[in-house]
Protein backbone atom coordinates (compact mmCIF):
# COMPACT_ATOMS: atom_id res chain seq x y z
CA UNK A 1 25.82 -5.88 1.23
CA UNK A 2 26.16 -4.41 4.74
CA UNK A 3 24.11 -1.35 3.81
CA UNK A 4 21.31 -3.48 2.39
CA UNK A 5 21.30 -5.46 5.65
CA UNK A 6 21.19 -2.16 7.55
CA UNK A 7 18.14 -1.03 5.54
CA UNK A 8 16.39 -4.34 6.12
CA UNK A 9 17.24 -4.32 9.84
CA UNK A 10 15.90 -0.80 10.29
CA UNK A 11 12.70 -1.80 8.49
CA UNK A 12 12.31 -4.88 10.71
CA UNK A 13 12.79 -2.86 13.92
CA UNK A 14 10.23 -0.34 12.70
CA UNK A 15 7.89 -3.17 11.78
CA UNK A 16 8.17 -4.51 15.34
CA UNK A 17 6.97 -1.15 16.65
CA UNK A 18 4.26 -1.05 14.01
CA UNK A 19 2.99 -4.49 15.06
CA UNK A 20 2.13 -3.06 18.49
CA UNK A 21 0.57 0.05 16.91
CA UNK A 22 3.47 2.26 18.00
CA UNK A 23 3.53 4.17 14.73
CA UNK A 24 5.36 7.17 16.16
CA UNK A 25 8.38 5.10 17.21
CA UNK A 26 8.23 2.99 14.04
CA UNK A 27 8.45 5.92 11.66
CA UNK A 28 12.12 6.92 12.23
CA UNK A 29 13.25 3.35 11.54
CA UNK A 30 11.32 3.26 8.28
CA UNK A 31 12.73 6.64 7.28
CA UNK A 32 16.24 5.33 7.97
CA UNK A 33 15.56 2.16 5.98
CA UNK A 34 14.38 4.24 3.03
CA UNK A 35 17.36 6.58 3.28
CA UNK A 36 19.87 3.71 3.22
CA UNK A 37 18.07 1.99 0.34
CA UNK A 38 18.01 5.26 -1.63
CA UNK A 39 21.78 5.58 -1.21
CA UNK A 40 22.22 2.05 -2.53
CA UNK A 41 20.02 2.82 -5.53
CA UNK A 42 21.99 6.01 -6.20
CA UNK A 43 25.17 3.92 -6.27
CA UNK A 44 23.61 1.22 -8.47
CA UNK A 45 20.24 2.02 -10.11
CA UNK A 46 19.97 -1.62 -11.26
CA UNK A 47 20.20 -3.06 -7.74
CA UNK A 48 16.84 -4.82 -7.62
CA UNK A 49 17.27 -5.87 -3.97
CA UNK A 50 17.86 -2.25 -2.92
CA UNK A 51 14.85 -1.13 -4.97
CA UNK A 52 12.69 -3.77 -3.28
CA UNK A 53 13.95 -2.72 0.19
CA UNK A 54 13.21 0.90 -0.71
CA UNK A 55 9.67 0.08 -1.81
CA UNK A 56 9.01 -1.82 1.41
CA UNK A 57 10.39 1.06 3.51
CA UNK A 58 8.18 3.57 1.68
CA UNK A 59 5.18 1.27 2.20
CA UNK A 60 5.89 1.13 5.92
CA UNK A 61 6.29 4.91 6.13
CA UNK A 62 2.83 5.31 4.59
CA UNK A 63 1.35 2.72 6.93
CA UNK A 64 2.78 4.58 9.94
CA UNK A 65 1.45 7.89 8.65
CA UNK A 66 -1.95 6.29 8.17
CA UNK A 67 -1.77 4.82 11.67
CA UNK A 68 -1.05 8.31 12.99
CA UNK A 69 -4.08 9.65 11.05
CA UNK A 70 -1.84 11.82 8.87
CA UNK A 71 -3.99 11.20 5.82
CA UNK A 72 -2.48 13.85 3.57
CA UNK A 73 1.05 12.59 4.24
CA UNK A 74 -0.04 8.95 3.88
CA UNK A 75 -1.69 9.74 0.55
CA UNK A 76 1.47 11.38 -0.79
CA UNK A 77 3.65 8.53 0.46
CA UNK A 78 1.36 5.84 -0.95
CA UNK A 79 1.25 7.65 -4.31
CA UNK A 80 5.05 7.60 -4.33
CA UNK A 81 4.92 3.93 -3.33
CA UNK A 82 2.50 3.20 -6.18
CA UNK A 83 4.81 4.84 -8.71
CA UNK A 84 7.82 2.90 -7.42
CA UNK A 85 5.83 -0.34 -7.57
CA UNK A 86 4.68 0.35 -11.11
CA UNK A 87 8.25 0.88 -12.25
CA UNK A 88 9.43 -2.20 -10.38
CA UNK A 89 6.63 -4.38 -11.82
CA UNK A 90 7.17 -3.06 -15.37
CA UNK A 91 10.79 -4.24 -15.33
CA UNK A 92 9.61 -7.86 -15.25
CA UNK A 93 5.91 -8.56 -15.76
CA UNK A 94 6.50 -12.22 -14.87
CA UNK A 95 8.00 -11.46 -11.47
CA UNK A 96 5.44 -12.47 -8.85
CA UNK A 97 6.99 -10.25 -6.17
CA UNK A 98 6.74 -7.20 -8.41
CA UNK A 99 3.15 -7.91 -9.36
CA UNK A 100 2.22 -8.49 -5.72
CA UNK A 101 3.84 -5.17 -4.77
CA UNK A 102 1.66 -3.45 -7.36
CA UNK A 103 -1.49 -5.08 -5.99
CA UNK A 104 -0.54 -4.00 -2.47
CA UNK A 105 0.09 -0.45 -3.71
CA UNK A 106 -3.45 -0.27 -5.08
CA UNK A 107 -4.75 -1.64 -1.79
CA UNK A 108 -2.92 1.02 0.22
CA UNK A 109 -4.48 3.76 -1.90
CA UNK A 110 -7.87 2.23 -1.09
CA UNK A 111 -7.02 2.31 2.62
CA UNK A 112 -6.36 6.05 2.45
CA UNK A 113 -9.65 6.66 0.66
CA UNK A 114 -11.51 4.49 3.17
CA UNK A 115 -10.00 6.47 6.04
CA UNK A 116 -11.01 9.69 4.32
CA UNK A 117 -14.54 8.39 3.76
CA UNK A 118 -14.83 7.84 7.51
CA UNK A 119 -13.86 11.42 8.32
CA UNK A 120 -16.75 12.90 10.27
CA UNK A 121 -16.37 16.47 9.03
CA UNK A 122 -17.23 15.55 5.43
CA UNK A 123 -20.51 15.98 3.66
CA UNK A 124 -22.25 12.86 2.44
CA UNK A 125 -21.29 13.80 -1.12
CA UNK A 126 -17.61 14.06 -0.18
CA UNK A 127 -17.81 10.81 1.75
CA UNK A 128 -19.43 9.12 -1.26
CA UNK A 129 -16.62 10.34 -3.52
CA UNK A 130 -14.05 8.73 -1.22
CA UNK A 131 -15.99 5.45 -1.11
CA UNK A 132 -16.06 5.44 -4.93
CA UNK A 133 -12.30 6.08 -5.05
CA UNK A 134 -11.69 3.31 -2.54
CA UNK A 135 -13.72 0.90 -4.67
CA UNK A 136 -11.80 1.85 -7.81
CA UNK A 137 -8.45 1.20 -6.08
CA UNK A 138 -9.75 -2.08 -4.68
CA UNK A 139 -10.86 -3.18 -8.14
CA UNK A 140 -7.37 -2.47 -9.46
CA UNK A 141 -5.92 -4.49 -6.59
CA UNK A 142 -8.30 -7.39 -7.18
CA UNK A 143 -7.49 -7.38 -10.90
CA UNK A 144 -3.77 -7.71 -10.20
CA UNK A 145 -4.34 -10.70 -7.93
CA UNK A 146 -6.80 -12.31 -10.37
CA UNK A 147 -4.24 -11.90 -13.15
CA UNK A 148 -1.56 -13.43 -10.96
CA UNK A 149 -3.86 -16.36 -10.18
CA UNK A 150 -4.63 -16.87 -13.87
CA UNK A 151 -0.92 -16.86 -14.69
CA UNK A 152 -0.17 -19.28 -11.83
CA UNK A 153 1.95 -16.64 -10.07
CA UNK A 154 -0.14 -16.28 -6.93
CA UNK A 155 1.60 -17.58 -3.80
CA UNK A 156 -0.43 -20.10 -1.81
CA UNK A 157 -0.80 -17.59 1.05
CA UNK A 158 -2.57 -15.16 -1.31
CA UNK A 159 -5.02 -17.54 -3.01
CA UNK A 160 -7.98 -16.04 -1.13
CA UNK A 161 -6.97 -12.41 -1.67
CA UNK A 162 -9.21 -11.77 -4.71
CA UNK A 163 -12.24 -12.98 -2.73
CA UNK A 164 -11.25 -10.91 0.32
CA UNK A 165 -10.91 -7.84 -1.88
CA UNK A 166 -14.31 -8.56 -3.46
CA UNK A 167 -15.77 -8.52 0.07
CA UNK A 168 -14.13 -5.16 0.76
CA UNK A 169 -15.54 -3.80 -2.49
CA UNK A 170 -19.00 -4.97 -1.38
CA UNK A 171 -18.50 -3.23 1.97
CA UNK A 172 -17.59 0.03 0.22
CA UNK A 173 -20.59 -0.37 -2.05
CA UNK A 174 -22.86 -0.87 0.97
CA UNK A 175 -21.45 2.27 2.61
CA UNK A 176 -22.02 4.20 -0.59
CA UNK A 177 -25.54 2.80 -0.93
CA UNK A 178 -26.28 3.88 2.65
CA UNK A 179 -25.19 7.42 1.84
CA UNK A 180 -27.31 7.52 -1.30
CA UNK A 181 -30.41 6.29 0.59
CA UNK A 182 -29.79 8.80 3.38
CA UNK A 183 -29.96 11.60 0.79
CA UNK A 184 -33.34 10.50 -0.50
């Protein structure tokens, strides 16, 4: 139990740094949280609490990388996060926390694509491809939250998430439309 508390504490300290946009100082705490959680999982692969702590630590690592504009690293981390979330959610399709993790994982992939789409050195065609990818990830995210709402699994704090995601999809679509019109 102590090691799980250690993982959670490291994640919380890192999160405190992340809240003030100090991603550089946050990152080592998230790495430590992930390392401790991985050791717990190695000792007991069925430890759901350790798996959850690991997923959160990986999420935070990706967020810090994204905050530091390390898009390639963030993409790799968020892909790993997505895979961990898929496995976690598949273990119990009726677990709201697992389903929410999966929705968040899709959202984080969209954030990477959005950041890429805003990269100035890209051609309009490349930028458009990233906006399309972002929209696809956002649709996956929205679908998870809509499914959760339909199955009465959506926490009260997340009731508006499907509508917020729909707005983000519309924003991506407008960006894409602007690129298409600029080419004509």
